[in-house]
Every structure is written in C-alpha cells, then in structure tokens.
Amino acid sequence: MAAKSSAKNTVSVAERLDALVNLQSIDSEIDRLLKVRGELPLEVEDLEDEILGIQKRIANIQSEITELEEDIVARKNAQKDAQTAIISYKEKQNNVRNNREFESLSKEIEYQELEIQLCDKKIKEASYRISEKKEKLEESNNLLANRTKAFDEKKKELDAIIAETQKDEEKLLKESEKAKKKIDEHLLVAYERLRSNSRNGLAVVPIDRDACGGCFNRIPPQRQLDIMQKKKIIVCEHCGRILTPESAQ
C-alpha cells in the first residue's frame, strides 16, 4: 500500500490533471448512457412497488371476506343450536309440574328466539359487508391487471435499452475503475464529492471563453495562465470544480 501511495505521489500535477480529465470523460459517457434510460428505471420501480401494495390490499380483502364468511357459518350453526334448544324446551313444557317451571322454560325459549334474531341480523350485516368487499376486490383486481400491464410494457422497454447499452456501460465502468487507480485518494474523494453535488455530474471542466465551463463565471487572466501551465490543481472559486485548460478536453 505504501509503495502504491508513493508511486502516486511521484506523478506530476499535469499527469494528475490529465488523469482527472480522462476519468471525467469516461464518467460523463456513463452518465449519458444512463440518461438514455431516462425516468424508466424509476417508473418501473414505482409500478413494482404499487403492484406489491395492490397485491397486499387484495390479500387483506380476501382474508376479511373469509373471516366474514366463517362468521356467517358460525351464526347459522348458532341458529340451528338455538332452534334445537327451543324444541327441547317446548317438549319439557309438556311435562312441567308447576307454573314456575313452565315460566322458566318460557324464558329460555324467549332467550333462544332472541339469539336467532340477533344471529339473523349479524348474518345480514356480514353479507352486506361481503358484498361491499367483493366490489372493492373487483376494483383492486382490475387495477392490478392495469398496473401489471403497464409494468410489463415499461420493463420490456427498459430491458431493451439496457440490452443495447449494457456492454458499453460495463466496458466504461471498467475503464472508470482503471482510471481511478491513477489518481491519489484525497483527489479522488474531492472529485466524487464534486460529481455528486453537481446536477450534470461535472467535477472537472475546461476554461470556456475565459469562463468556468461549469458555472460560466469569468476567470481572471492570471488565473487562466496558472491553469494553462498545469503546475497546480486549481478550482473555480465560485463552484469549486477542478479547472483545466481549454485544449485539454
């Protein structure tokens, strides 16, 4: 590691600048290839997330419908049990020995009849809710079909673009990594920071018509001369980009 660091330190400023210019050129070409894809990757990702959300919603609705259907079955069974109990209590009334026993059985019958009515009410409510949820389920299934179709189309379009540019991109990425090895670490960190903070990804720019090629602010003649001599790395005092002679790019 020390040997590598020492080797990089022996590289002249001019060579470092040339290496930065080369790296910027490679990275800019990678940016151009990625720009060809435009918003497609984000659109595909958004559609994928939306599809997962809809699928989860459908699963929840189906689960709710199942619970309601199970509740209806349980209520109907409770009704049958209540009807069986009523028959039993009425049979017992035929064999009571006094009015107190008859009244007690009558109250039990009344309770079971109320239970049947309550179950009937709950069954109707559950049936209505099932109907509502089935409408939502149909809407969600239609939306899922729509979004899935849009996803398939966008994904196909993106895959076609990636297939066209992938080889070039892989080659440029390798070249970028190779170019980075010629630049000392602190300078590379500065370069990457400038690129990430720049909308167009430009960290290294040439003088263009006596101005910074990044922010277009005028550069004083003496400073231009220093840049032309390539004896030290000079950055734009306005945007912080690394400046190179016009002929360098």
C-alpha atoms as a PDB file:
ATOM      1  CA  MET A   1       0.000   0.000   0.000  1.00  0.00           C
ATOM      2  CA  ALA A   2       2.825   2.383   0.914  1.00  0.00           C
ATOM      3  CA  ALA A   3       4.549   1.641  -2.405  1.00  0.00           C
ATOM      4  CA  LYS A   4       1.392   2.428  -4.333  1.00  0.00           C
ATOM      5  CA  SER A   5       0.864   5.669  -2.408  1.00  0.00           C
ATOM      6  CA  SER A   6       4.489   6.658  -3.049  1.00  0.00           C
ATOM      7  CA  ALA A   7       4.095   5.907  -6.759  1.00  0.00           C
ATOM      8  CA  LYS A   8       1.031   8.138  -6.974  1.00  0.00           C
ATOM      9  CA  ASN A   9       2.839  10.956  -5.180  1.00  0.00           C
ATOM     10  CA  THR A  10       5.569  10.926  -7.839  1.00  0.00           C
ATOM     11  CA  VAL A  11       3.005  11.651 -10.564  1.00  0.00           C
ATOM     12  CA  SER A  12       3.201  15.261 -11.755  1.00  0.00           C
ATOM     13  CA  VAL A  13       0.311  17.697 -11.383  1.00  0.00           C
ATOM     14  CA  ALA A  14      -0.089  17.761 -15.161  1.00  0.00           C
ATOM     15  CA  GLU A  15      -0.409  13.975 -15.230  1.00  0.00           C
ATOM     16  CA  ARG A  16      -2.929  14.093 -12.396  1.00  0.00           C
ATOM     17  CA  LEU A  17      -4.988  16.650 -14.273  1.00  0.00           C
ATOM     18  CA  ASP A  18      -4.850  14.589 -17.439  1.00  0.00           C
ATOM     19  CA  ALA A  19      -5.963  11.537 -15.431  1.00  0.00           C
ATOM     20  CA  LEU A  20      -8.874  13.545 -13.973  1.00  0.00           C
ATOM     21  CA  VAL A  21      -9.875  14.783 -17.428  1.00  0.00           C
ATOM     22  CA  ASN A  22      -9.826  11.203 -18.708  1.00  0.00           C
ATOM     23  CA  LEU A  23     -11.885   9.975 -15.732  1.00  0.00           C
ATOM     24  CA  GLN A  24     -14.396  12.781 -16.192  1.00  0.00           C
ATOM     25  CA  SER A  25     -14.714  11.934 -19.883  1.00  0.00           C
ATOM     26  CA  ILE A  26     -15.391   8.260 -19.086  1.00  0.00           C
ATOM     27  CA  ASP A  27     -17.854   9.043 -16.279  1.00  0.00           C
ATOM     28  CA  SER A  28     -19.685  11.578 -18.445  1.00  0.00           C
ATOM     29  CA  GLU A  29     -20.152   8.904 -21.109  1.00  0.00           C
ATOM     30  CA  ILE A  30     -21.553   6.547 -18.446  1.00  0.00           C
ATOM     31  CA  ASP A  31     -23.919   9.339 -17.370  1.00  0.00           C
ATOM     32  CA  ARG A  32     -25.008   9.753 -20.993  1.00  0.00           C
ATOM     33  CA  LEU A  33     -25.829   6.047 -21.276  1.00  0.00           C
ATOM     34  CA  LEU A  34     -27.801   6.146 -18.033  1.00  0.00           C
ATOM     35  CA  LYS A  35     -29.616   9.258 -19.233  1.00  0.00           C
ATOM     36  CA  VAL A  36     -30.849   7.309 -22.261  1.00  0.00           C
ATOM     37  CA  ARG A  37     -32.892   5.230 -19.829  1.00  0.00           C
ATOM     38  CA  GLY A  38     -34.461   8.447 -18.573  1.00  0.00           C
ATOM     39  CA  GLU A  39     -37.132   8.003 -15.897  1.00  0.00           C
ATOM     40  CA  LEU A  40     -37.828   4.400 -16.934  1.00  0.00           C
ATOM     41  CA  PRO A  41     -35.957   2.740 -14.024  1.00  0.00           C
ATOM     42  CA  LEU A  42     -37.872   4.883 -11.516  1.00  0.00           C
ATOM     43  CA  GLU A  43     -41.169   4.295 -13.318  1.00  0.00           C
ATOM     44  CA  VAL A  44     -40.566   0.531 -13.302  1.00  0.00           C
ATOM     45  CA  GLU A  45     -39.643   0.624  -9.622  1.00  0.00           C
ATOM     46  CA  ASP A  46     -42.703   2.719  -8.736  1.00  0.00           C
ATOM     47  CA  LEU A  47     -45.011   0.368 -10.651  1.00  0.00           C
ATOM     48  CA  GLU A  48     -43.420  -2.641  -8.958  1.00  0.00           C
ATOM     49  CA  ASP A  49     -43.994  -1.075  -5.521  1.00  0.00           C
ATOM     50  CA  GLU A  50     -47.573  -0.169  -6.452  1.00  0.00           C
ATOM     51  CA  ILE A  51     -48.265  -3.730  -7.661  1.00  0.00           C
ATOM     52  CA  LEU A  52     -46.954  -5.141  -4.366  1.00  0.00           C
ATOM     53  CA  GLY A  53     -49.213  -2.710  -2.487  1.00  0.00           C
ATOM     54  CA  ILE A  54     -52.270  -3.713  -4.522  1.00  0.00           C
ATOM     55  CA  GLN A  55     -51.489  -7.413  -4.060  1.00  0.00           C
ATOM     56  CA  LYS A  56     -51.262  -6.888  -0.305  1.00  0.00           C
ATOM     57  CA  ARG A  57     -54.577  -4.994  -0.366  1.00  0.00           C
ATOM     58  CA  ILE A  58     -56.212  -7.853  -2.324  1.00  0.00           C
ATOM     59  CA  ALA A  59     -54.860 -10.415   0.149  1.00  0.00           C
ATOM     60  CA  ASN A  60     -56.253  -8.372   3.058  1.00  0.00           C
ATOM     61  CA  ILE A  61     -59.685  -8.046   1.429  1.00  0.00           C
ATOM     62  CA  GLN A  62     -59.793 -11.772   0.665  1.00  0.00           C
ATOM     63  CA  SER A  63     -58.835 -12.516   4.271  1.00  0.00           C
ATOM     64  CA  GLU A  64     -61.602 -10.201   5.540  1.00  0.00           C
ATOM     65  CA  ILE A  65     -64.159 -11.874   3.242  1.00  0.00           C
ATOM     66  CA  THR A  66     -63.095 -15.309   4.536  1.00  0.00           C
ATOM     67  CA  GLU A  67     -63.492 -14.129   8.148  1.00  0.00           C
ATOM     68  CA  LEU A  68     -66.967 -12.766   7.412  1.00  0.00           C
ATOM     69  CA  GLU A  69     -67.992 -15.984   5.649  1.00  0.00           C
ATOM     70  CA  GLU A  70     -66.748 -18.005   8.619  1.00  0.00           C
ATOM     71  CA  ASP A  71     -68.719 -15.732  10.943  1.00  0.00           C
ATOM     72  CA  ILE A  72     -71.878 -16.341   8.863  1.00  0.00           C
ATOM     73  CA  VAL A  73     -71.351 -20.110   9.115  1.00  0.00           C
ATOM     74  CA  ALA A  74     -70.861 -19.812  12.898  1.00  0.00           C
ATOM     75  CA  ARG A  75     -74.034 -17.685  13.218  1.00  0.00           C
ATOM     76  CA  LYS A  76     -76.067 -20.172  11.186  1.00  0.00           C
ATOM     77  CA  ASN A  77     -74.812 -23.024  13.377  1.00  0.00           C
ATOM     78  CA  ALA A  78     -75.749 -20.979  16.457  1.00  0.00           C
ATOM     79  CA  GLN A  79     -79.244 -20.530  14.999  1.00  0.00           C
ATOM     80  CA  LYS A  80     -79.573 -24.282  14.488  1.00  0.00           C
ATOM     81  CA  ASP A  81     -78.456 -24.899  18.069  1.00  0.00           C
ATOM     82  CA  ALA A  82     -80.993 -22.323  19.300  1.00  0.00           C
ATOM     83  CA  GLN A  83     -83.798 -23.929  17.259  1.00  0.00           C
ATOM     84  CA  THR A  84     -82.857 -27.365  18.646  1.00  0.00           C
ATOM     85  CA  ALA A  85     -82.902 -25.911  22.179  1.00  0.00           C
ATOM     86  CA  ILE A  86     -86.347 -24.340  21.612  1.00  0.00           C
ATOM     87  CA  ILE A  87     -87.762 -27.725  20.503  1.00  0.00           C
ATOM     88  CA  SER A  88     -86.268 -29.340  23.610  1.00  0.00           C
ATOM     89  CA  TYR A  89     -87.641 -26.669  25.948  1.00  0.00           C
ATOM     90  CA  LYS A  90     -91.124 -26.900  24.407  1.00  0.00           C
ATOM     91  CA  GLU A  91     -91.118 -30.656  24.897  1.00  0.00           C
ATOM     92  CA  LYS A  92     -90.162 -30.137  28.533  1.00  0.00           C
ATOM     93  CA  GLN A  93     -93.015 -27.680  28.980  1.00  0.00           C
ATOM     94  CA  ASN A  94     -95.437 -30.524  28.271  1.00  0.00           C
ATOM     95  CA  ASN A  95     -94.135 -32.316  31.343  1.00  0.00           C
ATOM     96  CA  VAL A  96     -93.769 -29.488  33.889  1.00  0.00           C
ATOM     97  CA  ARG A  97     -95.190 -29.893  37.367  1.00  0.00           C
ATOM     98  CA  ASN A  98     -95.896 -26.254  38.146  1.00  0.00           C
ATOM     99  CA  ASN A  99     -96.162 -22.768  36.668  1.00  0.00           C
ATOM    100  CA  ARG A 100     -92.703 -21.759  37.939  1.00  0.00           C
ATOM    101  CA  GLU A 101     -91.014 -24.435  35.821  1.00  0.00           C
ATOM    102  CA  PHE A 102     -93.211 -23.514  32.829  1.00  0.00           C
ATOM    103  CA  GLU A 103     -92.242 -19.822  33.126  1.00  0.00           C
ATOM    104  CA  SER A 104     -88.550 -20.698  33.471  1.00  0.00           C
ATOM    105  CA  LEU A 105     -88.688 -22.749  30.280  1.00  0.00           C
ATOM    106  CA  SER A 106     -90.633 -19.965  28.537  1.00  0.00           C
ATOM    107  CA  LYS A 107     -87.833 -17.522  29.370  1.00  0.00           C
ATOM    108  CA  GLU A 108     -85.264 -19.942  27.953  1.00  0.00           C
ATOM    109  CA  ILE A 109     -87.328 -20.227  24.758  1.00  0.00           C
ATOM    110  CA  GLU A 110     -87.593 -16.449  24.547  1.00  0.00           C
ATOM    111  CA  TYR A 111     -83.835 -16.108  25.018  1.00  0.00           C
ATOM    112  CA  GLN A 112     -83.151 -18.630  22.223  1.00  0.00           C
ATOM    113  CA  GLU A 113     -85.588 -16.817  19.908  1.00  0.00           C
ATOM    114  CA  LEU A 114     -83.758 -13.539  20.587  1.00  0.00           C
ATOM    115  CA  GLU A 115     -80.478 -15.328  19.862  1.00  0.00           C
ATOM    116  CA  ILE A 116     -81.889 -16.469  16.490  1.00  0.00           C
ATOM    117  CA  GLN A 117     -82.962 -12.883  15.681  1.00  0.00           C
ATOM    118  CA  LEU A 118     -79.561 -11.498  16.682  1.00  0.00           C
ATOM    119  CA  CYS A 119     -77.776 -14.092  14.515  1.00  0.00           C
ATOM    120  CA  ASP A 120     -80.074 -13.248  11.625  1.00  0.00           C
ATOM    121  CA  LYS A 121     -79.199  -9.553  11.996  1.00  0.00           C
ATOM    122  CA  LYS A 122     -75.446 -10.305  12.165  1.00  0.00           C
ATOM    123  CA  ILE A 123     -75.689 -12.595   9.111  1.00  0.00           C
ATOM    124  CA  LYS A 124     -77.354  -9.821   7.092  1.00  0.00           C
ATOM    125  CA  GLU A 125     -74.716  -7.303   8.199  1.00  0.00           C
ATOM    126  CA  ALA A 126     -71.895  -9.702   7.310  1.00  0.00           C
ATOM    127  CA  SER A 127     -73.485 -10.476   3.925  1.00  0.00           C
ATOM    128  CA  TYR A 128     -73.744  -6.754   3.166  1.00  0.00           C
ATOM    129  CA  ARG A 129     -70.088  -6.222   4.153  1.00  0.00           C
ATOM    130  CA  ILE A 130     -69.047  -9.171   1.977  1.00  0.00           C
ATOM    131  CA  SER A 131     -70.879  -7.576  -0.949  1.00  0.00           C
ATOM    132  CA  GLU A 132     -69.037  -4.283  -0.354  1.00  0.00           C
ATOM    133  CA  LYS A 133     -65.669  -6.008  -0.045  1.00  0.00           C
ATOM    134  CA  LYS A 134     -66.251  -8.037  -3.212  1.00  0.00           C
ATOM    135  CA  GLU A 135     -66.817  -4.763  -5.082  1.00  0.00           C
ATOM    136  CA  LYS A 136     -63.527  -3.427  -3.683  1.00  0.00           C
ATOM    137  CA  LEU A 137     -61.868  -6.727  -4.572  1.00  0.00           C
ATOM    138  CA  GLU A 138     -63.047  -6.433  -8.165  1.00  0.00           C
ATOM    139  CA  GLU A 139     -61.795  -2.836  -8.358  1.00  0.00           C
ATOM    140  CA  SER A 140     -58.427  -3.876  -6.920  1.00  0.00           C
ATOM    141  CA  ASN A 141     -58.117  -6.814  -9.325  1.00  0.00           C
ATOM    142  CA  ASN A 142     -58.874  -4.519 -12.278  1.00  0.00           C
ATOM    143  CA  LEU A 143     -56.312  -2.005 -11.019  1.00  0.00           C
ATOM    144  CA  LEU A 144     -53.772  -4.803 -10.559  1.00  0.00           C
ATOM    145  CA  ALA A 145     -54.323  -6.009 -14.126  1.00  0.00           C
ATOM    146  CA  ASN A 146     -53.907  -2.432 -15.392  1.00  0.00           C
ATOM    147  CA  ARG A 147     -50.727  -1.778 -13.415  1.00  0.00           C
ATOM    148  CA  THR A 148     -49.263  -5.186 -14.271  1.00  0.00           C
ATOM    149  CA  LYS A 149     -49.774  -4.485 -17.979  1.00  0.00           C
ATOM    150  CA  ALA A 150     -48.110  -1.067 -17.616  1.00  0.00           C
ATOM    151  CA  PHE A 151     -45.238  -2.642 -15.649  1.00  0.00           C
ATOM    152  CA  ASP A 152     -44.681  -5.341 -18.288  1.00  0.00           C
ATOM    153  CA  GLU A 153     -44.572  -2.716 -21.049  1.00  0.00           C
ATOM    154  CA  LYS A 154     -42.190  -0.407 -19.175  1.00  0.00           C
ATOM    155  CA  LYS A 155     -39.982  -3.310 -18.063  1.00  0.00           C
ATOM    156  CA  LYS A 156     -39.781  -4.598 -21.637  1.00  0.00           C
ATOM    157  CA  GLU A 157     -38.826  -1.127 -22.854  1.00  0.00           C
ATOM    158  CA  LEU A 158     -36.201  -0.754 -20.107  1.00  0.00           C
ATOM    159  CA  ASP A 159     -34.744  -4.214 -20.735  1.00  0.00           C
ATOM    160  CA  ALA A 160     -34.391  -3.391 -24.431  1.00  0.00           C
ATOM    161  CA  ILE A 161     -32.486  -0.188 -23.647  1.00  0.00           C
ATOM    162  CA  ILE A 162     -30.280  -1.946 -21.091  1.00  0.00           C
ATOM    163  CA  ALA A 163     -29.528  -4.721 -23.606  1.00  0.00           C
ATOM    164  CA  GLU A 164     -28.418  -2.073 -26.106  1.00  0.00           C
ATOM    165  CA  THR A 165     -26.152  -0.192 -23.690  1.00  0.00           C
ATOM    166  CA  GLN A 166     -25.041  -2.848 -21.189  1.00  0.00           C
ATOM    167  CA  LYS A 167     -21.848  -3.900 -22.961  1.00  0.00           C
ATOM    168  CA  ASP A 168     -20.769  -0.279 -23.419  1.00  0.00           C
ATOM    169  CA  GLU A 169     -21.651   0.512 -19.818  1.00  0.00           C
ATOM    170  CA  GLU A 170     -19.702  -2.457 -18.436  1.00  0.00           C
ATOM    171  CA  LYS A 171     -16.693  -1.530 -20.566  1.00  0.00           C
ATOM    172  CA  LEU A 172     -16.831   2.108 -19.405  1.00  0.00           C
ATOM    173  CA  LEU A 173     -17.219   1.106 -15.760  1.00  0.00           C
ATOM    174  CA  LYS A 174     -14.059  -0.992 -16.025  1.00  0.00           C
ATOM    175  CA  GLU A 175     -12.267   1.936 -17.677  1.00  0.00           C
ATOM    176  CA  SER A 176     -13.510   4.240 -14.914  1.00  0.00           C
ATOM    177  CA  GLU A 177     -12.150   1.943 -12.204  1.00  0.00           C
ATOM    178  CA  LYS A 178      -8.852   1.684 -14.071  1.00  0.00           C
ATOM    179  CA  ALA A 179      -8.627   5.476 -14.435  1.00  0.00           C
ATOM    180  CA  LYS A 180      -9.323   5.979 -10.719  1.00  0.00           C
ATOM    181  CA  LYS A 181      -6.228   3.955  -9.836  1.00  0.00           C
ATOM    182  CA  LYS A 182      -4.072   6.678 -11.403  1.00  0.00           C
ATOM    183  CA  ILE A 183      -5.466   9.354  -9.076  1.00  0.00           C
ATOM    184  CA  ASP A 184      -4.444   9.787  -5.423  1.00  0.00           C
ATOM    185  CA  GLU A 185      -7.138   9.109  -2.845  1.00  0.00           C
ATOM    186  CA  HIS A 186      -7.797  12.609  -1.468  1.00  0.00           C
ATOM    187  CA  LEU A 187      -8.145  13.999  -5.003  1.00  0.00           C
ATOM    188  CA  LEU A 188     -10.459  11.167  -5.963  1.00  0.00           C
ATOM    189  CA  VAL A 189     -12.629  11.828  -2.891  1.00  0.00           C
ATOM    190  CA  ALA A 190     -12.876  15.509  -3.900  1.00  0.00           C
ATOM    191  CA  TYR A 191     -13.727  14.500  -7.471  1.00  0.00           C
ATOM    192  CA  GLU A 192     -16.503  12.124  -6.355  1.00  0.00           C
ATOM    193  CA  ARG A 193     -17.914  14.748  -3.981  1.00  0.00           C
ATOM    194  CA  LEU A 194     -17.998  17.369  -6.726  1.00  0.00           C
ATOM    195  CA  ARG A 195     -19.711  14.926  -9.092  1.00  0.00           C
ATOM    196  CA  SER A 196     -22.380  14.005  -6.564  1.00  0.00           C
ATOM    197  CA  ASN A 197     -23.099  17.676  -5.821  1.00  0.00           C
ATOM    198  CA  SER A 198     -23.335  18.613  -9.491  1.00  0.00           C
ATOM    199  CA  ARG A 199     -26.577  18.213 -11.443  1.00  0.00           C
ATOM    200  CA  ASN A 200     -24.708  17.326 -14.633  1.00  0.00           C
ATOM    201  CA  GLY A 201     -22.050  15.211 -12.907  1.00  0.00           C
ATOM    202  CA  LEU A 202     -19.201  17.502 -13.967  1.00  0.00           C
ATOM    203  CA  ALA A 203     -16.360  17.781 -11.452  1.00  0.00           C
ATOM    204  CA  VAL A 204     -13.636  18.644 -13.982  1.00  0.00           C
ATOM    205  CA  VAL A 205     -14.325  21.393 -16.507  1.00  0.00           C
ATOM    206  CA  PRO A 206     -12.237  23.315 -19.054  1.00  0.00           C
ATOM    207  CA  ILE A 207     -11.984  27.062 -19.458  1.00  0.00           C
ATOM    208  CA  ASP A 208     -14.603  28.070 -21.984  1.00  0.00           C
ATOM    209  CA  ARG A 209     -14.405  31.569 -23.481  1.00  0.00           C
ATOM    210  CA  ASP A 210     -12.449  32.886 -20.475  1.00  0.00           C
ATOM    211  CA  ALA A 211     -15.013  31.425 -18.072  1.00  0.00           C
ATOM    212  CA  CYS A 212     -15.510  28.314 -15.943  1.00  0.00           C
ATOM    213  CA  GLY A 213     -17.017  25.549 -18.064  1.00  0.00           C
ATOM    214  CA  GLY A 214     -19.232  24.575 -15.145  1.00  0.00           C
ATOM    215  CA  CYS A 215     -20.758  27.740 -13.686  1.00  0.00           C
ATOM    216  CA  PHE A 216     -19.691  30.131 -16.512  1.00  0.00           C
ATOM    217  CA  ASN A 217     -18.263  32.731 -14.148  1.00  0.00           C
ATOM    218  CA  ARG A 218     -15.375  34.709 -15.616  1.00  0.00           C
ATOM    219  CA  ILE A 219     -11.837  33.633 -14.714  1.00  0.00           C
ATOM    220  CA  PRO A 220      -9.141  36.350 -14.333  1.00  0.00           C
ATOM    221  CA  PRO A 221      -6.351  36.259 -16.966  1.00  0.00           C
ATOM    222  CA  GLN A 222      -3.583  35.494 -14.417  1.00  0.00           C
ATOM    223  CA  ARG A 223      -5.607  32.558 -13.069  1.00  0.00           C
ATOM    224  CA  GLN A 224      -6.155  31.324 -16.629  1.00  0.00           C
ATOM    225  CA  LEU A 225      -2.406  31.406 -17.154  1.00  0.00           C
ATOM    226  CA  ASP A 226      -1.857  29.336 -13.996  1.00  0.00           C
ATOM    227  CA  ILE A 227      -4.403  26.806 -15.240  1.00  0.00           C
ATOM    228  CA  MET A 228      -2.691  26.629 -18.642  1.00  0.00           C
ATOM    229  CA  GLN A 229       0.674  25.898 -17.017  1.00  0.00           C
ATOM    230  CA  LYS A 230      -0.825  22.895 -15.129  1.00  0.00           C
ATOM    231  CA  LYS A 231       1.643  23.287 -12.278  1.00  0.00           C
ATOM    232  CA  LYS A 232      -1.018  23.035  -9.587  1.00  0.00           C
ATOM    233  CA  ILE A 233      -4.615  21.931  -9.300  1.00  0.00           C
ATOM    234  CA  ILE A 234      -6.877  24.987  -9.406  1.00  0.00           C
ATOM    235  CA  VAL A 235     -10.582  25.021  -8.601  1.00  0.00           C
ATOM    236  CA  CYS A 236     -13.221  27.543  -9.567  1.00  0.00           C
ATOM    237  CA  GLU A 237     -13.702  29.993  -6.704  1.00  0.00           C
ATOM    238  CA  HIS A 238     -17.436  30.097  -7.476  1.00  0.00           C
ATOM    239  CA  CYS A 239     -18.484  26.455  -7.977  1.00  0.00           C
ATOM    240  CA  GLY A 240     -15.456  24.543  -6.682  1.00  0.00           C
ATOM    241  CA  ARG A 241     -14.986  22.480  -9.872  1.00  0.00           C
ATOM    242  CA  ILE A 242     -11.491  21.490 -10.934  1.00  0.00           C
ATOM    243  CA  LEU A 243     -10.367  23.652 -13.850  1.00  0.00           C
ATOM    244  CA  THR A 244      -8.347  22.503 -16.863  1.00  0.00           C
ATOM    245  CA  PRO A 245      -7.011  24.298 -19.959  1.00  0.00           C
ATOM    246  CA  GLU A 246      -9.471  24.639 -22.830  1.00  0.00           C
ATOM    247  CA  SER A 247      -7.375  22.432 -25.084  1.00  0.00           C
ATOM    248  CA  ALA A 248      -7.375  19.602 -22.529  1.00  0.00           C
ATOM    249  CA  GLN A 249     -10.920  18.473 -23.320  1.00  0.00           C
END
